[in-house]
Protein backbone atom coordinates (compact mmCIF):
# COMPACT_ATOMS: atom_id res chain seq x y z
CA MET A 1 -36.42 -34.14 -3.46
CA ASP A 2 -37.02 -35.05 -7.12
CA ILE A 3 -33.64 -34.50 -8.90
CA ARG A 4 -33.75 -35.45 -12.72
CA TRP A 5 -30.65 -33.69 -13.88
CA ILE A 6 -27.43 -32.98 -12.45
CA VAL A 7 -25.36 -29.89 -13.98
CA LEU A 8 -21.77 -29.44 -13.09
CA ASP A 9 -19.21 -26.78 -13.47
CA VAL A 10 -15.74 -28.25 -14.68
CA ASP A 11 -12.68 -26.22 -13.17
CA GLY A 12 -12.92 -26.60 -9.39
CA VAL A 13 -15.88 -29.34 -9.46
CA LEU A 14 -15.07 -32.04 -12.01
CA SER A 15 -11.33 -30.98 -12.02
CA ASP A 16 -9.20 -29.56 -9.32
CA GLY A 17 -9.42 -26.32 -10.86
CA MET A 18 -5.63 -26.22 -11.50
CA LEU A 19 -4.65 -25.27 -15.06
CA VAL A 20 -1.53 -27.17 -16.11
CA TYR A 21 0.23 -26.56 -19.40
CA THR A 22 2.71 -28.88 -21.01
CA SER A 23 5.84 -27.47 -22.73
CA ASN A 24 4.24 -26.95 -26.09
CA GLY A 25 1.35 -25.04 -24.80
CA GLU A 26 -1.25 -27.68 -24.44
CA GLU A 27 -3.51 -27.95 -21.42
CA THR A 28 -4.09 -30.90 -19.39
CA LYS A 29 -6.75 -31.86 -16.75
CA SER A 30 -7.27 -34.58 -14.38
CA PHE A 31 -10.54 -36.21 -13.33
CA SER A 32 -11.57 -38.34 -10.47
CA VAL A 33 -12.63 -41.87 -11.42
CA LYS A 34 -14.80 -41.87 -8.29
CA ASP A 35 -16.61 -38.94 -9.60
CA GLY A 36 -17.06 -40.96 -12.96
CA LEU A 37 -18.27 -44.07 -11.21
CA GLY A 38 -20.74 -41.95 -9.32
CA LEU A 39 -22.21 -40.12 -12.35
CA THR A 40 -22.36 -43.56 -13.98
CA ALA A 41 -24.56 -44.77 -11.28
CA ALA A 42 -26.91 -41.58 -11.71
CA LYS A 43 -27.05 -42.40 -15.23
CA LYS A 44 -28.07 -46.06 -14.56
CA CYS A 45 -30.87 -44.48 -12.11
CA GLY A 46 -32.41 -42.32 -15.07
CA ILE A 47 -30.76 -38.98 -13.94
CA LYS A 48 -29.50 -36.97 -16.82
CA LEU A 49 -26.03 -35.19 -16.90
CA ALA A 50 -25.00 -31.76 -18.01
CA ILE A 51 -21.70 -29.57 -18.04
CA ILE A 52 -21.92 -25.75 -18.11
CA THR A 53 -18.33 -24.26 -18.40
CA ALA A 54 -17.17 -20.85 -19.64
CA ARG A 55 -14.00 -22.46 -21.09
CA VAL A 56 -13.75 -24.64 -24.11
CA SER A 57 -11.60 -27.84 -23.54
CA PRO A 58 -11.04 -31.16 -25.80
CA MET A 59 -10.40 -32.91 -22.43
CA VAL A 60 -13.86 -32.00 -21.11
CA GLU A 61 -15.55 -32.86 -24.42
CA ARG A 62 -13.56 -36.38 -24.03
CA ARG A 63 -14.88 -36.78 -20.54
CA ALA A 64 -18.36 -35.75 -21.24
CA LYS A 65 -18.26 -38.41 -24.15
CA GLU A 66 -16.76 -41.21 -21.82
CA LEU A 67 -19.45 -40.72 -19.19
CA LYS A 68 -22.38 -40.38 -21.90
CA PHE A 69 -23.54 -36.82 -20.54
CA ASP A 70 -26.59 -35.63 -22.18
CA ALA A 71 -25.60 -31.99 -22.54
CA LEU A 72 -22.49 -30.35 -22.96
CA ILE A 73 -22.31 -26.40 -22.90
CA MET A 74 -18.76 -25.02 -23.31
CA GLY A 75 -17.49 -21.73 -23.81
CA HIS A 76 -20.36 -19.82 -21.98
CA ALA A 77 -19.50 -17.29 -19.51
CA ASN A 78 -23.03 -16.46 -18.77
CA LYS A 79 -23.74 -19.74 -16.85
CA THR A 80 -27.37 -18.47 -15.77
CA GLU A 81 -28.20 -17.98 -19.33
CA ALA A 82 -26.68 -21.32 -20.26
CA LEU A 83 -28.81 -22.97 -17.55
CA ARG A 84 -31.91 -21.27 -18.91
CA SER A 85 -31.31 -22.47 -22.41
CA LEU A 86 -30.68 -26.06 -21.28
CA CYS A 87 -34.06 -26.07 -19.39
CA GLU A 88 -35.87 -24.73 -22.38
CA GLU A 89 -34.30 -26.99 -24.66
CA HIS A 90 -34.68 -30.02 -22.63
CA ASN A 91 -37.86 -29.22 -20.89
CA ILE A 92 -36.61 -29.21 -17.51
CA ALA A 93 -37.99 -27.55 -14.32
CA LEU A 94 -35.31 -25.75 -12.22
CA HIS A 95 -36.44 -27.60 -9.09
CA ASN A 96 -35.53 -31.02 -10.63
CA ILE A 97 -32.01 -29.72 -11.09
CA ALA A 98 -28.95 -30.37 -8.91
CA TYR A 99 -26.15 -27.97 -9.94
CA MET A 100 -22.50 -28.09 -8.22
CA GLY A 101 -20.29 -25.06 -8.77
CA ASP A 102 -17.39 -23.70 -6.66
CA ASP A 103 -17.13 -19.91 -7.61
CA LEU A 104 -18.64 -16.55 -8.20
CA ASN A 105 -19.70 -17.25 -11.69
CA ASP A 106 -21.82 -20.24 -10.38
CA LEU A 107 -24.00 -18.09 -8.15
CA GLY A 108 -26.62 -17.40 -10.60
CA PRO A 109 -27.28 -21.06 -11.58
CA LEU A 110 -26.98 -22.20 -7.85
CA SER A 111 -29.45 -19.69 -6.95
CA MET A 112 -32.11 -20.80 -9.41
CA VAL A 113 -31.93 -24.72 -9.03
CA GLY A 114 -33.64 -27.21 -6.51
CA LEU A 115 -30.49 -28.58 -5.17
CA PRO A 116 -27.61 -26.29 -5.07
CA MET A 117 -24.12 -28.00 -4.20
CA ALA A 118 -20.54 -27.13 -3.49
CA PRO A 119 -17.28 -28.91 -3.21
CA GLN A 120 -15.49 -28.31 0.06
CA ASN A 121 -12.90 -25.88 -1.39
CA ALA A 122 -15.83 -23.55 -2.89
CA VAL A 123 -15.82 -19.97 -2.31
CA LEU A 124 -17.79 -18.78 0.97
CA GLU A 125 -20.48 -17.09 -0.99
CA VAL A 126 -21.20 -20.42 -3.03
CA LYS A 127 -21.37 -22.26 0.33
CA ARG A 128 -23.76 -19.84 1.92
CA ILE A 129 -26.47 -20.70 -0.78
CA ALA A 130 -25.48 -24.48 -1.11
CA LYS A 131 -27.96 -26.98 0.50
CA PHE A 132 -25.20 -29.71 0.02
CA ILE A 133 -21.52 -29.19 0.75
CA ALA A 134 -19.24 -31.91 0.03
CA THR A 135 -16.38 -33.01 2.51
CA ASN A 136 -13.95 -33.30 -0.54
CA ASP A 137 -12.50 -30.95 -2.83
CA GLY A 138 -13.62 -30.54 -6.46
CA GLY A 139 -11.83 -33.03 -8.58
CA HIS A 140 -11.33 -35.22 -5.60
CA GLY A 141 -14.59 -36.91 -4.98
CA ALA A 142 -16.80 -33.93 -4.42
CA VAL A 143 -19.07 -34.86 -7.22
CA ARG A 144 -19.35 -38.51 -6.15
CA GLU A 145 -20.47 -37.22 -2.65
CA GLY A 146 -23.35 -35.21 -4.36
CA VAL A 147 -24.48 -37.97 -6.59
CA GLU A 148 -24.72 -40.41 -3.59
CA PHE A 149 -26.53 -37.79 -1.53
CA ILE A 150 -28.95 -37.34 -4.30
CA LEU A 151 -29.46 -41.22 -4.78
CA LYS A 152 -29.66 -41.82 -1.25
CA HIS A 153 -32.46 -39.16 -0.81
CA GLN A 154 -34.32 -40.71 -3.65
CA GLY A 155 -34.11 -44.12 -2.39
CA LEU A 156 -32.12 -45.32 -5.35
CA TRP A 157 -28.58 -45.94 -3.61
CA ASP A 158 -29.21 -49.25 -2.43
CA SER A 159 -30.09 -50.50 -5.73
CA VAL A 160 -27.09 -49.27 -7.07
CA VAL A 161 -24.78 -51.14 -4.50
CA GLN A 162 -26.93 -54.16 -5.21
CA ASP A 163 -26.32 -54.04 -8.96
CA TYR A 164 -22.47 -53.77 -8.22
CA MET A 165 -22.68 -56.59 -5.91
CA MET A 166 -24.62 -58.82 -8.43
CA GLU A 167 -22.21 -57.69 -11.11
CA ALA A 168 -19.19 -59.02 -8.84
CA HIS A 169 -21.21 -62.08 -8.12
CA ASN A 170 -22.04 -62.94 -11.71
CA HIS A 171 -18.47 -62.33 -12.81
CA GLY A 172 -17.27 -64.62 -9.91
CA GLN A 173 -18.75 -67.73 -11.29
């Protein structure tokens, strides 16, 4: 397994998939800090990050900026086409991509990539083609599990843990 890019859906993967509106009509989303730390670890290991989502959301834009995502494709209902564009633009081979999706509109990209992944609460059709299924639901650490799976299989996880141990040790002096 040689994963160089992790590409994620948002609703049901990075968030729990619930759409919450405030009384003045603004949408809110929540994101898992565990997912965030995992994605930061992937970046430190040289893996690039991308989001492909059919919706347009300032919260997603902010989260992508915070975690220094390499690509953000919003408002793209045809995720297969969006993935192909991402590959062309960044010269990525499909077998070097891990993609996590949870619903029917993710089936195209999932069927194309080297490592199709799903959160525990993904629909059955997605789980059938996923090579990795998290034990956690989307928005509740599923992405983190996928990142750990990739980094462990690529022999990078121990160095991530070691870096955090060194950081804790250095701050303790």
